[in-house]
């Protein structure tokens, strides 16, 4: 869904532990050159809400320069989850 947005070049979603819901979705996005996440986070959330159920809309967006991948190009979602656990 997010990959269809004109400003997003890569995206991955991982679950973040949550006291109330158990786990909530968090999106890691690589944006087009020169785009700041702070200026488009609301637009990305609205884009998701237009086509996804409320519980599937990411609760947070994190800008990344590259998504972690192994030597075969497979996404390492485990590393994204570790980033979320390490964040305050």
N, C-alpha and C. Protein backbone atom coordinates (compact mmCIF):
# COMPACT_ATOMS: atom_id res chain seq x y z
N UNK A 1 0.81 -1.19 0.00
CA UNK A 1 0.00 0.00 0.00
C UNK A 1 0.86 1.26 0.00
N UNK A 2 1.80 1.33 0.94
CA UNK A 2 2.66 2.52 1.02
C UNK A 2 3.57 2.65 -0.20
N UNK A 3 3.95 1.53 -0.76
CA UNK A 3 4.84 1.57 -1.91
C UNK A 3 4.17 2.21 -3.12
N UNK A 4 2.86 2.30 -3.11
CA UNK A 4 2.13 2.94 -4.20
C UNK A 4 2.17 4.47 -4.10
N UNK A 5 2.61 4.99 -2.96
CA UNK A 5 2.68 6.44 -2.78
C UNK A 5 3.83 6.99 -3.61
N UNK A 6 3.64 8.12 -4.22
CA UNK A 6 4.61 8.69 -5.16
C UNK A 6 5.95 9.06 -4.52
N UNK A 7 6.00 9.30 -3.22
CA UNK A 7 7.23 9.71 -2.56
C UNK A 7 8.00 8.57 -1.92
N UNK A 8 7.45 7.37 -1.93
CA UNK A 8 8.07 6.22 -1.27
C UNK A 8 8.76 5.33 -2.30
N UNK A 9 10.04 5.02 -2.05
CA UNK A 9 10.77 4.15 -2.98
C UNK A 9 10.91 2.73 -2.44
N UNK A 10 10.99 2.59 -1.10
CA UNK A 10 11.04 1.28 -0.46
C UNK A 10 10.30 1.37 0.87
N UNK A 11 9.74 0.25 1.29
CA UNK A 11 9.02 0.25 2.55
C UNK A 11 9.04 -1.15 3.17
N UNK A 12 9.03 -1.17 4.49
CA UNK A 12 8.88 -2.42 5.24
C UNK A 12 8.09 -2.09 6.49
N UNK A 13 7.28 -3.02 6.93
CA UNK A 13 6.48 -2.82 8.15
C UNK A 13 6.83 -3.92 9.13
N UNK A 14 7.04 -3.52 10.38
CA UNK A 14 7.36 -4.47 11.43
C UNK A 14 6.46 -4.19 12.62
N UNK A 15 6.30 -5.18 13.46
CA UNK A 15 5.46 -5.02 14.65
C UNK A 15 6.26 -4.50 15.83
N UNK A 16 5.67 -3.53 16.53
CA UNK A 16 6.28 -2.97 17.74
C UNK A 16 5.43 -3.38 18.93
N UNK A 17 6.05 -3.88 20.00
CA UNK A 17 5.28 -4.26 21.18
C UNK A 17 4.47 -3.07 21.71
N UNK A 18 3.24 -3.36 22.13
CA UNK A 18 2.35 -2.33 22.64
C UNK A 18 1.59 -2.90 23.83
N UNK A 19 1.51 -2.12 24.90
CA UNK A 19 0.84 -2.60 26.12
C UNK A 19 -0.64 -2.87 25.90
N UNK A 20 -1.30 -2.00 25.18
CA UNK A 20 -2.75 -2.14 24.99
C UNK A 20 -3.10 -3.18 23.95
N UNK A 21 -2.46 -3.14 22.79
CA UNK A 21 -2.84 -3.99 21.67
C UNK A 21 -1.96 -5.22 21.48
N UNK A 22 -0.88 -5.32 22.23
CA UNK A 22 0.05 -6.43 22.06
C UNK A 22 1.14 -6.08 21.07
N UNK A 23 0.73 -5.63 19.89
CA UNK A 23 1.68 -5.24 18.86
C UNK A 23 0.99 -4.27 17.90
N UNK A 24 1.73 -3.27 17.44
CA UNK A 24 1.19 -2.31 16.48
C UNK A 24 2.16 -2.20 15.29
N UNK A 25 1.63 -1.90 14.10
CA UNK A 25 2.50 -1.78 12.93
C UNK A 25 3.29 -0.47 12.92
N UNK A 26 4.55 -0.57 12.50
CA UNK A 26 5.43 0.58 12.34
C UNK A 26 6.06 0.47 10.96
N UNK A 27 6.03 1.55 10.20
CA UNK A 27 6.55 1.54 8.83
C UNK A 27 7.94 2.17 8.77
N UNK A 28 8.84 1.50 8.08
CA UNK A 28 10.17 2.03 7.77
C UNK A 28 10.14 2.37 6.29
N UNK A 29 10.33 3.63 5.97
CA UNK A 29 10.19 4.07 4.58
C UNK A 29 11.46 4.74 4.08
N UNK A 30 11.81 4.42 2.85
CA UNK A 30 12.87 5.13 2.15
C UNK A 30 12.14 6.06 1.20
N UNK A 31 12.37 7.35 1.40
CA UNK A 31 11.66 8.36 0.62
C UNK A 31 12.47 8.82 -0.58
N UNK A 32 11.80 9.42 -1.52
CA UNK A 32 12.46 10.00 -2.70
C UNK A 32 13.47 11.04 -2.23
N UNK A 33 14.47 11.28 -3.03
CA UNK A 33 15.55 12.21 -2.68
C UNK A 33 14.99 13.60 -2.34
N UNK A 34 15.52 14.15 -1.25
CA UNK A 34 15.16 15.50 -0.86
C UNK A 34 13.86 15.63 -0.08
N UNK A 35 13.21 14.53 0.23
CA UNK A 35 11.93 14.58 0.96
C UNK A 35 12.18 14.30 2.43
N UNK A 36 11.62 15.11 3.31
CA UNK A 36 11.75 14.97 4.75
C UNK A 36 10.50 14.28 5.30
N UNK A 37 10.71 13.26 6.12
CA UNK A 37 9.58 12.52 6.67
C UNK A 37 8.65 13.41 7.48
N UNK A 38 9.18 14.38 8.18
CA UNK A 38 8.36 15.28 8.99
C UNK A 38 7.31 16.02 8.19
N UNK A 39 7.60 16.28 6.93
CA UNK A 39 6.65 17.02 6.10
C UNK A 39 5.61 16.12 5.44
N UNK A 40 5.87 14.82 5.36
CA UNK A 40 4.94 13.94 4.64
C UNK A 40 4.35 12.83 5.49
N UNK A 41 4.68 12.74 6.77
CA UNK A 41 4.17 11.66 7.62
C UNK A 41 2.64 11.64 7.66
N UNK A 42 2.03 12.80 7.79
CA UNK A 42 0.57 12.88 7.80
C UNK A 42 -0.04 12.42 6.49
N UNK A 43 0.62 12.79 5.40
CA UNK A 43 0.15 12.39 4.07
C UNK A 43 0.24 10.87 3.90
N UNK A 44 1.32 10.28 4.42
CA UNK A 44 1.48 8.82 4.33
C UNK A 44 0.42 8.11 5.16
N UNK A 45 0.15 8.63 6.34
CA UNK A 45 -0.88 8.02 7.19
C UNK A 45 -2.26 8.12 6.54
N UNK A 46 -2.56 9.26 5.95
CA UNK A 46 -3.85 9.44 5.26
C UNK A 46 -3.95 8.50 4.06
N UNK A 47 -2.84 8.31 3.36
CA UNK A 47 -2.80 7.40 2.22
C UNK A 47 -3.15 5.98 2.69
N UNK A 48 -2.59 5.57 3.82
CA UNK A 48 -2.88 4.23 4.36
C UNK A 48 -4.33 4.12 4.82
N UNK A 49 -4.82 5.15 5.52
CA UNK A 49 -6.19 5.11 6.02
C UNK A 49 -7.21 5.02 4.90
N UNK A 50 -6.86 5.51 3.71
CA UNK A 50 -7.80 5.48 2.60
C UNK A 50 -8.07 4.07 2.08
N UNK A 51 -7.19 3.12 2.39
CA UNK A 51 -7.37 1.79 1.82
C UNK A 51 -7.20 0.65 2.83
N UNK A 52 -6.78 0.95 4.05
CA UNK A 52 -6.52 -0.10 5.02
C UNK A 52 -7.47 0.02 6.22
N UNK A 53 -7.69 -1.11 6.86
CA UNK A 53 -8.45 -1.11 8.11
C UNK A 53 -7.64 -0.35 9.15
N UNK A 54 -8.29 0.27 10.11
CA UNK A 54 -7.63 1.09 11.10
C UNK A 54 -6.49 0.41 11.83
N UNK A 55 -6.65 -0.86 12.17
CA UNK A 55 -5.61 -1.56 12.92
C UNK A 55 -4.39 -1.88 12.06
N UNK A 56 -4.49 -1.74 10.76
CA UNK A 56 -3.37 -2.00 9.86
C UNK A 56 -2.57 -0.74 9.51
N UNK A 57 -3.10 0.41 9.83
CA UNK A 57 -2.41 1.68 9.54
C UNK A 57 -1.24 1.81 10.50
N UNK A 58 -0.02 2.05 9.99
CA UNK A 58 1.14 2.20 10.87
C UNK A 58 0.94 3.31 11.89
N UNK A 59 1.34 3.01 13.12
CA UNK A 59 1.22 4.00 14.20
C UNK A 59 2.40 4.95 14.21
N UNK A 60 3.51 4.53 13.58
CA UNK A 60 4.71 5.36 13.49
C UNK A 60 5.31 5.17 12.11
N UNK A 61 6.06 6.18 11.68
CA UNK A 61 6.82 6.10 10.43
C UNK A 61 8.27 6.47 10.75
N UNK A 62 9.19 5.68 10.24
CA UNK A 62 10.62 5.94 10.43
C UNK A 62 11.27 6.03 9.06
N UNK A 63 12.01 7.10 8.84
CA UNK A 63 12.74 7.26 7.58
C UNK A 63 14.05 6.49 7.66
N UNK A 64 14.38 5.77 6.61
CA UNK A 64 15.64 5.03 6.53
C UNK A 64 16.31 5.35 5.20
N UNK A 65 17.63 5.26 5.18
CA UNK A 65 18.35 5.46 3.93
C UNK A 65 18.38 4.17 3.12
N UNK A 66 18.31 3.03 3.83
CA UNK A 66 18.25 1.72 3.17
C UNK A 66 17.65 0.73 4.15
N UNK A 67 16.93 -0.23 3.62
CA UNK A 67 16.37 -1.30 4.45
C UNK A 67 17.42 -2.39 4.61
N UNK A 68 17.48 -3.03 5.79
CA UNK A 68 18.47 -4.09 5.99
C UNK A 68 18.11 -5.33 5.16
N UNK A 69 19.07 -5.80 4.40
CA UNK A 69 18.87 -6.97 3.55
C UNK A 69 20.07 -7.90 3.68
N UNK A 70 19.83 -9.19 3.43
CA UNK A 70 20.94 -10.14 3.43
C UNK A 70 21.61 -10.14 2.06
N UNK A 71 22.57 -11.02 1.88
CA UNK A 71 23.34 -11.03 0.63
C UNK A 71 22.49 -11.42 -0.58
N UNK A 72 21.35 -12.05 -0.36
CA UNK A 72 20.46 -12.41 -1.46
C UNK A 72 19.38 -11.36 -1.72
N UNK A 73 19.39 -10.30 -0.90
CA UNK A 73 18.43 -9.22 -1.08
C UNK A 73 17.15 -9.38 -0.28
N UNK A 74 17.08 -10.41 0.56
CA UNK A 74 15.89 -10.63 1.37
C UNK A 74 15.87 -9.64 2.55
N UNK A 75 14.71 -9.07 2.79
CA UNK A 75 14.54 -8.12 3.88
C UNK A 75 14.78 -8.80 5.22
N UNK A 76 15.56 -8.14 6.09
CA UNK A 76 15.83 -8.65 7.43
C UNK A 76 14.91 -7.94 8.42
N UNK A 77 13.68 -8.40 8.49
CA UNK A 77 12.68 -7.79 9.36
C UNK A 77 13.09 -7.89 10.83
N UNK A 78 13.85 -8.92 11.17
CA UNK A 78 14.33 -9.11 12.54
C UNK A 78 15.14 -7.88 12.99
N UNK A 79 15.97 -7.33 12.09
CA UNK A 79 16.75 -6.15 12.43
C UNK A 79 15.87 -4.92 12.65
N UNK A 80 14.79 -4.84 11.91
CA UNK A 80 13.85 -3.72 12.12
C UNK A 80 13.20 -3.84 13.48
N UNK A 81 12.80 -5.04 13.87
CA UNK A 81 12.19 -5.24 15.19
C UNK A 81 13.18 -4.90 16.30
N UNK A 82 14.47 -5.26 16.08
CA UNK A 82 15.50 -4.94 17.09
C UNK A 82 15.66 -3.43 17.23
N UNK A 83 15.58 -2.70 16.13
CA UNK A 83 15.65 -1.23 16.20
C UNK A 83 14.50 -0.68 17.03
N UNK A 84 13.32 -1.27 16.87
CA UNK A 84 12.16 -0.80 17.62
C UNK A 84 12.29 -1.08 19.10
N UNK A 85 12.83 -2.24 19.44
CA UNK A 85 13.01 -2.58 20.85
C UNK A 85 14.07 -1.69 21.51
N UNK A 86 15.10 -1.31 20.75
CA UNK A 86 16.18 -0.48 21.28
C UNK A 86 15.76 0.98 21.46
N UNK A 87 14.79 1.43 20.68
CA UNK A 87 14.34 2.83 20.77
C UNK A 87 13.58 3.06 22.07
N UNK A 88 13.73 4.25 22.64
CA UNK A 88 13.02 4.54 23.91
C UNK A 88 11.53 4.66 23.73
